[in-house]
């Protein structure tokens, strides 16, 4: 399918982290000595909004949900697949708590990098710092697009966005096993589970997708893209 999608409102991080490629062997060794890999089970909380920051996290395997939570309601900001950083918004010493919560959608492997080590590498290596700034910028653009999608697109457009993003940015193919529940899809699209179930059936009946349990295939990419764009 090859990067056909140009949806700025996509929920899934699109910028694969390449900042570590800018580190020297010595700096990379220093970072690895000050990091640890932790495995999280499906639905396990990785970090809690308001808790003190001790690490920047790198998703080595899995899929992570980033969300705001006030105890009664939650708003999903984005999904983070493997190869992406988590916790950059708390790099500044003026913001020493996590600004959001994160949870593992599926079994996930996270590398926790000591935040003081990460900050030191930023001051040491300008090319590394530039890559991190570029990631910040891409994240901001994505969140702006996410809010536009939730506030201006109709329900069909929002669901089409998510299905296309999963296809293009996670699985990179048209047929895949869907790791998210109907409730997860509803949360991502700002709808009820019942509405999502009804809309998935309509997409299936209209020949846009084929669903068999958790197996999903995008049959008519162009029509689904038009629904996403006209939302």
C-alpha atoms as a PDB file:
ATOM      1  CA  UNK A   1       0.000   0.000   0.000  1.00  0.00           C
ATOM      2  CA  UNK A   2       3.032   2.188   0.564  1.00  0.00           C
ATOM      3  CA  UNK A   3       2.341   5.446   2.436  1.00  0.00           C
ATOM      4  CA  UNK A   4      -0.719   6.427   0.433  1.00  0.00           C
ATOM      5  CA  UNK A   5      -2.432   7.855   3.482  1.00  0.00           C
ATOM      6  CA  UNK A   6      -2.048  11.562   4.183  1.00  0.00           C
ATOM      7  CA  UNK A   7      -4.410  11.924   7.149  1.00  0.00           C
ATOM      8  CA  UNK A   8      -3.085  14.531   9.568  1.00  0.00           C
ATOM      9  CA  UNK A   9      -5.790  13.538  12.064  1.00  0.00           C
ATOM     10  CA  UNK A  10      -4.444  10.003  12.335  1.00  0.00           C
ATOM     11  CA  UNK A  11      -4.411   8.762  15.907  1.00  0.00           C
ATOM     12  CA  UNK A  12      -1.206   6.775  15.496  1.00  0.00           C
ATOM     13  CA  UNK A  13       2.264   8.283  15.764  1.00  0.00           C
ATOM     14  CA  UNK A  14       3.705   8.610  12.279  1.00  0.00           C
ATOM     15  CA  UNK A  15       7.264   9.708  13.051  1.00  0.00           C
ATOM     16  CA  UNK A  16       9.502   6.725  13.711  1.00  0.00           C
ATOM     17  CA  UNK A  17      12.157   7.709  16.249  1.00  0.00           C
ATOM     18  CA  UNK A  18      15.625   7.926  14.710  1.00  0.00           C
ATOM     19  CA  UNK A  19      17.225  10.143  17.327  1.00  0.00           C
ATOM     20  CA  UNK A  20      19.354   7.341  18.775  1.00  0.00           C
ATOM     21  CA  UNK A  21      21.092   6.991  15.415  1.00  0.00           C
ATOM     22  CA  UNK A  22      22.642  10.419  16.114  1.00  0.00           C
ATOM     23  CA  UNK A  23      24.399   9.233  19.261  1.00  0.00           C
ATOM     24  CA  UNK A  24      28.035   8.189  19.224  1.00  0.00           C
ATOM     25  CA  UNK A  25      28.927   4.652  20.309  1.00  0.00           C
ATOM     26  CA  UNK A  26      30.110   6.054  23.630  1.00  0.00           C
ATOM     27  CA  UNK A  27      26.879   8.017  24.169  1.00  0.00           C
ATOM     28  CA  UNK A  28      24.763   5.024  23.179  1.00  0.00           C
ATOM     29  CA  UNK A  29      26.635   2.848  25.649  1.00  0.00           C
ATOM     30  CA  UNK A  30      26.145   5.493  28.347  1.00  0.00           C
ATOM     31  CA  UNK A  31      22.395   5.588  27.647  1.00  0.00           C
ATOM     32  CA  UNK A  32      22.073   1.793  27.664  1.00  0.00           C
ATOM     33  CA  UNK A  33      23.840   1.591  31.029  1.00  0.00           C
ATOM     34  CA  UNK A  34      21.260   4.011  32.415  1.00  0.00           C
ATOM     35  CA  UNK A  35      18.192   2.301  31.038  1.00  0.00           C
ATOM     36  CA  UNK A  36      16.195  -0.829  31.715  1.00  0.00           C
ATOM     37  CA  UNK A  37      13.658  -2.826  29.685  1.00  0.00           C
ATOM     38  CA  UNK A  38      10.294  -3.502  31.350  1.00  0.00           C
ATOM     39  CA  UNK A  39       7.534  -5.752  30.028  1.00  0.00           C
ATOM     40  CA  UNK A  40       3.910  -4.641  30.456  1.00  0.00           C
ATOM     41  CA  UNK A  41       0.898  -6.889  30.058  1.00  0.00           C
ATOM     42  CA  UNK A  42      -2.122  -5.951  27.962  1.00  0.00           C
ATOM     43  CA  UNK A  43      -4.182  -3.196  29.691  1.00  0.00           C
ATOM     44  CA  UNK A  44      -1.425  -2.525  32.256  1.00  0.00           C
ATOM     45  CA  UNK A  45      -0.812   1.142  33.116  1.00  0.00           C
ATOM     46  CA  UNK A  46       2.670   2.298  32.063  1.00  0.00           C
ATOM     47  CA  UNK A  47       2.603   5.766  33.585  1.00  0.00           C
ATOM     48  CA  UNK A  48      -0.020   7.751  35.484  1.00  0.00           C
ATOM     49  CA  UNK A  49      -0.959  11.363  34.821  1.00  0.00           C
ATOM     50  CA  UNK A  50       0.358  13.575  37.638  1.00  0.00           C
ATOM     51  CA  UNK A  51       3.033  11.137  38.872  1.00  0.00           C
ATOM     52  CA  UNK A  52       6.661  12.232  39.081  1.00  0.00           C
ATOM     53  CA  UNK A  53       8.791  11.649  35.998  1.00  0.00           C
ATOM     54  CA  UNK A  54      11.920   9.554  36.421  1.00  0.00           C
ATOM     55  CA  UNK A  55      12.311   8.180  32.898  1.00  0.00           C
ATOM     56  CA  UNK A  56      11.776   8.852  29.217  1.00  0.00           C
ATOM     57  CA  UNK A  57      10.339   5.720  27.632  1.00  0.00           C
ATOM     58  CA  UNK A  58      10.956   4.071  24.273  1.00  0.00           C
ATOM     59  CA  UNK A  59       8.456   1.541  22.930  1.00  0.00           C
ATOM     60  CA  UNK A  60      10.558  -1.401  21.737  1.00  0.00           C
ATOM     61  CA  UNK A  61       7.575  -3.703  21.074  1.00  0.00           C
ATOM     62  CA  UNK A  62       3.820  -3.386  21.344  1.00  0.00           C
ATOM     63  CA  UNK A  63       1.196  -0.653  21.180  1.00  0.00           C
ATOM     64  CA  UNK A  64       0.480   2.059  23.758  1.00  0.00           C
ATOM     65  CA  UNK A  65      -2.529   4.282  24.419  1.00  0.00           C
ATOM     66  CA  UNK A  66      -1.798   7.862  25.558  1.00  0.00           C
ATOM     67  CA  UNK A  67      -4.735   9.580  27.231  1.00  0.00           C
ATOM     68  CA  UNK A  68      -5.929  12.291  29.595  1.00  0.00           C
ATOM     69  CA  UNK A  69      -8.024  11.164  32.552  1.00  0.00           C
ATOM     70  CA  UNK A  70      -9.933  13.160  35.168  1.00  0.00           C
ATOM     71  CA  UNK A  71     -11.245  10.135  37.033  1.00  0.00           C
ATOM     72  CA  UNK A  72     -14.675  10.208  35.402  1.00  0.00           C
ATOM     73  CA  UNK A  73     -13.818  10.653  31.726  1.00  0.00           C
ATOM     74  CA  UNK A  74     -10.829  10.024  29.502  1.00  0.00           C
ATOM     75  CA  UNK A  75      -9.690  11.406  26.162  1.00  0.00           C
ATOM     76  CA  UNK A  76      -7.343   9.378  23.973  1.00  0.00           C
ATOM     77  CA  UNK A  77      -4.653  11.620  22.492  1.00  0.00           C
ATOM     78  CA  UNK A  78      -2.964   9.001  20.333  1.00  0.00           C
ATOM     79  CA  UNK A  79      -1.630   5.492  19.973  1.00  0.00           C
ATOM     80  CA  UNK A  80       2.111   4.889  20.032  1.00  0.00           C
ATOM     81  CA  UNK A  81       3.498   1.852  18.188  1.00  0.00           C
ATOM     82  CA  UNK A  82       6.983   0.403  18.549  1.00  0.00           C
ATOM     83  CA  UNK A  83       9.857   2.670  17.595  1.00  0.00           C
ATOM     84  CA  UNK A  84       8.469   5.760  19.345  1.00  0.00           C
ATOM     85  CA  UNK A  85       9.259   7.763  22.470  1.00  0.00           C
ATOM     86  CA  UNK A  86       6.908   8.399  25.376  1.00  0.00           C
ATOM     87  CA  UNK A  87       7.234  11.057  28.076  1.00  0.00           C
ATOM     88  CA  UNK A  88       8.938  13.828  26.097  1.00  0.00           C
ATOM     89  CA  UNK A  89       6.453  16.453  27.322  1.00  0.00           C
ATOM     90  CA  UNK A  90       7.999  16.117  30.785  1.00  0.00           C
ATOM     91  CA  UNK A  91      11.616  16.646  29.713  1.00  0.00           C
ATOM     92  CA  UNK A  92      11.612  20.215  30.988  1.00  0.00           C
ATOM     93  CA  UNK A  93      12.594  20.507  34.640  1.00  0.00           C
ATOM     94  CA  UNK A  94       9.666  22.937  34.974  1.00  0.00           C
ATOM     95  CA  UNK A  95       7.269  20.026  34.313  1.00  0.00           C
ATOM     96  CA  UNK A  96       8.449  17.145  36.464  1.00  0.00           C
ATOM     97  CA  UNK A  97       5.181  15.192  36.339  1.00  0.00           C
ATOM     98  CA  UNK A  98       3.597  13.211  33.520  1.00  0.00           C
ATOM     99  CA  UNK A  99       1.066  15.322  31.627  1.00  0.00           C
ATOM    100  CA  UNK A 100      -0.929  12.249  30.569  1.00  0.00           C
ATOM    101  CA  UNK A 101      -1.401   8.574  31.352  1.00  0.00           C
ATOM    102  CA  UNK A 102      -0.299   5.657  29.172  1.00  0.00           C
ATOM    103  CA  UNK A 103      -1.522   2.083  29.007  1.00  0.00           C
ATOM    104  CA  UNK A 104      -0.474  -0.988  27.026  1.00  0.00           C
ATOM    105  CA  UNK A 105      -3.067  -1.945  24.392  1.00  0.00           C
ATOM    106  CA  UNK A 106      -1.297  -5.279  23.923  1.00  0.00           C
ATOM    107  CA  UNK A 107       1.698  -6.943  25.623  1.00  0.00           C
ATOM    108  CA  UNK A 108       4.365  -4.258  25.343  1.00  0.00           C
ATOM    109  CA  UNK A 109       8.103  -3.885  25.927  1.00  0.00           C
ATOM    110  CA  UNK A 110       9.320  -0.496  27.144  1.00  0.00           C
ATOM    111  CA  UNK A 111      12.875   0.753  27.548  1.00  0.00           C
ATOM    112  CA  UNK A 112      12.981   3.200  30.468  1.00  0.00           C
ATOM    113  CA  UNK A 113      15.798   5.714  30.074  1.00  0.00           C
ATOM    114  CA  UNK A 114      16.870   7.711  33.129  1.00  0.00           C
ATOM    115  CA  UNK A 115      15.601  11.236  32.503  1.00  0.00           C
ATOM    116  CA  UNK A 116      18.795  12.892  33.777  1.00  0.00           C
ATOM    117  CA  UNK A 117      20.807  10.815  31.306  1.00  0.00           C
ATOM    118  CA  UNK A 118      18.437  11.784  28.487  1.00  0.00           C
ATOM    119  CA  UNK A 119      18.691  15.492  29.379  1.00  0.00           C
ATOM    120  CA  UNK A 120      22.479  15.249  29.501  1.00  0.00           C
ATOM    121  CA  UNK A 121      22.594  13.711  26.020  1.00  0.00           C
ATOM    122  CA  UNK A 122      20.413  16.560  24.728  1.00  0.00           C
ATOM    123  CA  UNK A 123      22.948  19.128  25.935  1.00  0.00           C
ATOM    124  CA  UNK A 124      25.911  17.085  24.685  1.00  0.00           C
ATOM    125  CA  UNK A 125      24.748  16.214  21.180  1.00  0.00           C
ATOM    126  CA  UNK A 126      23.105  18.880  18.988  1.00  0.00           C
ATOM    127  CA  UNK A 127      22.049  16.428  16.271  1.00  0.00           C
ATOM    128  CA  UNK A 128      20.354  14.230  18.857  1.00  0.00           C
ATOM    129  CA  UNK A 129      18.589  17.300  20.305  1.00  0.00           C
ATOM    130  CA  UNK A 130      17.395  18.359  16.837  1.00  0.00           C
ATOM    131  CA  UNK A 131      15.838  14.961  16.205  1.00  0.00           C
ATOM    132  CA  UNK A 132      14.017  15.122  19.541  1.00  0.00           C
ATOM    133  CA  UNK A 133      12.735  18.631  18.710  1.00  0.00           C
ATOM    134  CA  UNK A 134      11.467  17.314  15.363  1.00  0.00           C
ATOM    135  CA  UNK A 135       9.592  14.568  17.228  1.00  0.00           C
ATOM    136  CA  UNK A 136       8.055  17.224  19.523  1.00  0.00           C
ATOM    137  CA  UNK A 137       6.917  19.170  16.470  1.00  0.00           C
ATOM    138  CA  UNK A 138       5.396  16.121  14.766  1.00  0.00           C
ATOM    139  CA  UNK A 139       3.586  15.187  17.983  1.00  0.00           C
ATOM    140  CA  UNK A 140       2.071  18.668  18.255  1.00  0.00           C
ATOM    141  CA  UNK A 141       0.828  18.632  14.657  1.00  0.00           C
ATOM    142  CA  UNK A 142      -0.691  15.205  15.229  1.00  0.00           C
ATOM    143  CA  UNK A 143      -2.563  16.234  18.385  1.00  0.00           C
ATOM    144  CA  UNK A 144      -3.956  19.332  16.598  1.00  0.00           C
ATOM    145  CA  UNK A 145      -5.214  17.087  13.817  1.00  0.00           C
ATOM    146  CA  UNK A 146      -6.661  14.683  16.349  1.00  0.00           C
ATOM    147  CA  UNK A 147      -8.771  17.428  17.964  1.00  0.00           C
ATOM    148  CA  UNK A 148      -9.933  18.641  14.552  1.00  0.00           C
ATOM    149  CA  UNK A 149     -11.035  15.098  13.707  1.00  0.00           C
ATOM    150  CA  UNK A 150     -12.990  14.700  16.948  1.00  0.00           C
ATOM    151  CA  UNK A 151     -14.708  18.085  16.729  1.00  0.00           C
ATOM    152  CA  UNK A 152     -15.378  18.452  12.991  1.00  0.00           C
ATOM    153  CA  UNK A 153     -15.631  15.001  11.412  1.00  0.00           C
ATOM    154  CA  UNK A 154     -18.759  12.905  11.366  1.00  0.00           C
ATOM    155  CA  UNK A 155     -18.771   9.461  12.970  1.00  0.00           C
ATOM    156  CA  UNK A 156     -18.079   7.560   9.730  1.00  0.00           C
ATOM    157  CA  UNK A 157     -15.065   9.733   8.966  1.00  0.00           C
ATOM    158  CA  UNK A 158     -13.607   9.222  12.434  1.00  0.00           C
ATOM    159  CA  UNK A 159     -13.912   5.447  12.252  1.00  0.00           C
ATOM    160  CA  UNK A 160     -12.499   5.384   8.715  1.00  0.00           C
ATOM    161  CA  UNK A 161      -9.487   7.363   9.999  1.00  0.00           C
ATOM    162  CA  UNK A 162      -8.724   4.760  12.644  1.00  0.00           C
ATOM    163  CA  UNK A 163      -9.034   1.772  10.313  1.00  0.00           C
ATOM    164  CA  UNK A 164      -6.814   3.385   7.685  1.00  0.00           C
ATOM    165  CA  UNK A 165      -4.236   4.413  10.279  1.00  0.00           C
ATOM    166  CA  UNK A 166      -4.067   0.893  11.696  1.00  0.00           C
ATOM    167  CA  UNK A 167      -3.584  -0.473   8.195  1.00  0.00           C
ATOM    168  CA  UNK A 168      -0.956   2.069   7.103  1.00  0.00           C
ATOM    169  CA  UNK A 169       1.018   2.832  10.243  1.00  0.00           C
ATOM    170  CA  UNK A 170       0.849  -0.296  12.381  1.00  0.00           C
ATOM    171  CA  UNK A 171       0.422  -3.356  10.178  1.00  0.00           C
ATOM    172  CA  UNK A 172       1.444  -1.839   6.808  1.00  0.00           C
ATOM    173  CA  UNK A 173      -0.928  -4.153   4.957  1.00  0.00           C
ATOM    174  CA  UNK A 174      -4.615  -4.307   4.116  1.00  0.00           C
ATOM    175  CA  UNK A 175      -5.382  -7.513   6.039  1.00  0.00           C
ATOM    176  CA  UNK A 176      -4.538  -7.838   9.729  1.00  0.00           C
ATOM    177  CA  UNK A 177      -5.572  -9.093  13.157  1.00  0.00           C
ATOM    178  CA  UNK A 178      -7.296  -6.228  14.997  1.00  0.00           C
ATOM    179  CA  UNK A 179      -5.786  -5.988  18.509  1.00  0.00           C
ATOM    180  CA  UNK A 180      -8.357  -3.461  19.746  1.00  0.00           C
ATOM    181  CA  UNK A 181     -11.758  -4.231  21.217  1.00  0.00           C
ATOM    182  CA  UNK A 182     -14.937  -2.539  20.009  1.00  0.00           C
ATOM    183  CA  UNK A 183     -14.767  -0.504  23.220  1.00  0.00           C
ATOM    184  CA  UNK A 184     -11.223   0.614  22.360  1.00  0.00           C
ATOM    185  CA  UNK A 185     -12.359   1.688  18.883  1.00  0.00           C
ATOM    186  CA  UNK A 186     -15.278   3.570  20.418  1.00  0.00           C
ATOM    187  CA  UNK A 187     -12.970   5.382  22.825  1.00  0.00           C
ATOM    188  CA  UNK A 188     -10.625   6.350  19.997  1.00  0.00           C
ATOM    189  CA  UNK A 189     -13.410   7.650  17.778  1.00  0.00           C
ATOM    190  CA  UNK A 190     -15.410   9.394  20.496  1.00  0.00           C
ATOM    191  CA  UNK A 191     -18.488   7.198  20.042  1.00  0.00           C
ATOM    192  CA  UNK A 192     -20.368   4.506  21.924  1.00  0.00           C
ATOM    193  CA  UNK A 193     -19.476   0.839  21.490  1.00  0.00           C
ATOM    194  CA  UNK A 194     -22.925   0.210  20.037  1.00  0.00           C
ATOM    195  CA  UNK A 195     -22.384   2.885  17.368  1.00  0.00           C
ATOM    196  CA  UNK A 196     -19.000   1.428  16.402  1.00  0.00           C
ATOM    197  CA  UNK A 197     -20.433  -2.087  16.125  1.00  0.00           C
ATOM    198  CA  UNK A 198     -23.249  -0.792  13.901  1.00  0.00           C
ATOM    199  CA  UNK A 199     -20.860   1.204  11.705  1.00  0.00           C
ATOM    200  CA  UNK A 200     -18.413  -1.697  11.295  1.00  0.00           C
ATOM    201  CA  UNK A 201     -21.332  -3.839  10.128  1.00  0.00           C
ATOM    202  CA  UNK A 202     -22.320  -1.152   7.618  1.00  0.00           C
ATOM    203  CA  UNK A 203     -18.721  -0.859   6.340  1.00  0.00           C
ATOM    204  CA  UNK A 204     -18.731  -4.643   5.969  1.00  0.00           C
ATOM    205  CA  UNK A 205     -22.130  -4.774   4.257  1.00  0.00           C
ATOM    206  CA  UNK A 206     -21.117  -1.953   1.885  1.00  0.00           C
ATOM    207  CA  UNK A 207     -18.009  -3.855   0.795  1.00  0.00           C
ATOM    208  CA  UNK A 208     -15.504  -1.425   2.328  1.00  0.00           C
ATOM    209  CA  UNK A 209     -14.056  -3.987   4.728  1.00  0.00           C
ATOM    210  CA  UNK A 210     -14.358  -7.679   5.537  1.00  0.00           C
ATOM    211  CA  UNK A 211     -14.505  -8.725   9.184  1.00  0.00           C
ATOM    212  CA  UNK A 212     -14.359 -12.203  10.656  1.00  0.00           C
ATOM    213  CA  UNK A 213     -14.075 -11.928  14.418  1.00  0.00           C
ATOM    214  CA  UNK A 214     -10.795 -10.083  15.033  1.00  0.00           C
ATOM    215  CA  UNK A 215      -9.571 -10.514  11.465  1.00  0.00           C
ATOM    216  CA  UNK A 216     -10.065  -7.384   9.361  1.00  0.00           C
ATOM    217  CA  UNK A 217      -9.385  -6.709   5.697  1.00  0.00           C
ATOM    218  CA  UNK A 218      -9.692  -3.355   3.947  1.00  0.00           C
ATOM    219  CA  UNK A 219     -11.367  -4.217   0.651  1.00  0.00           C
ATOM    220  CA  UNK A 220     -12.046  -0.792  -0.874  1.00  0.00           C
ATOM    221  CA  UNK A 221      -9.228   1.496   0.262  1.00  0.00           C
ATOM    222  CA  UNK A 222     -10.169   4.415  -2.014  1.00  0.00           C
ATOM    223  CA  UNK A 223     -13.779   4.600  -0.858  1.00  0.00           C
ATOM    224  CA  UNK A 224     -12.724   4.349   2.777  1.00  0.00           C
ATOM    225  CA  UNK A 225     -10.200   7.143   2.203  1.00  0.00           C
ATOM    226  CA  UNK A 226     -12.922   9.335   0.648  1.00  0.00           C
ATOM    227  CA  UNK A 227     -15.106   8.769   3.715  1.00  0.00           C
ATOM    228  CA  UNK A 228     -12.168   9.765   5.921  1.00  0.00           C
ATOM    229  CA  UNK A 229     -11.435  12.905   3.880  1.00  0.00           C
ATOM    230  CA  UNK A 230     -15.043  14.105   3.622  1.00  0.00           C
ATOM    231  CA  UNK A 231     -15.865  12.868   7.171  1.00  0.00           C
END
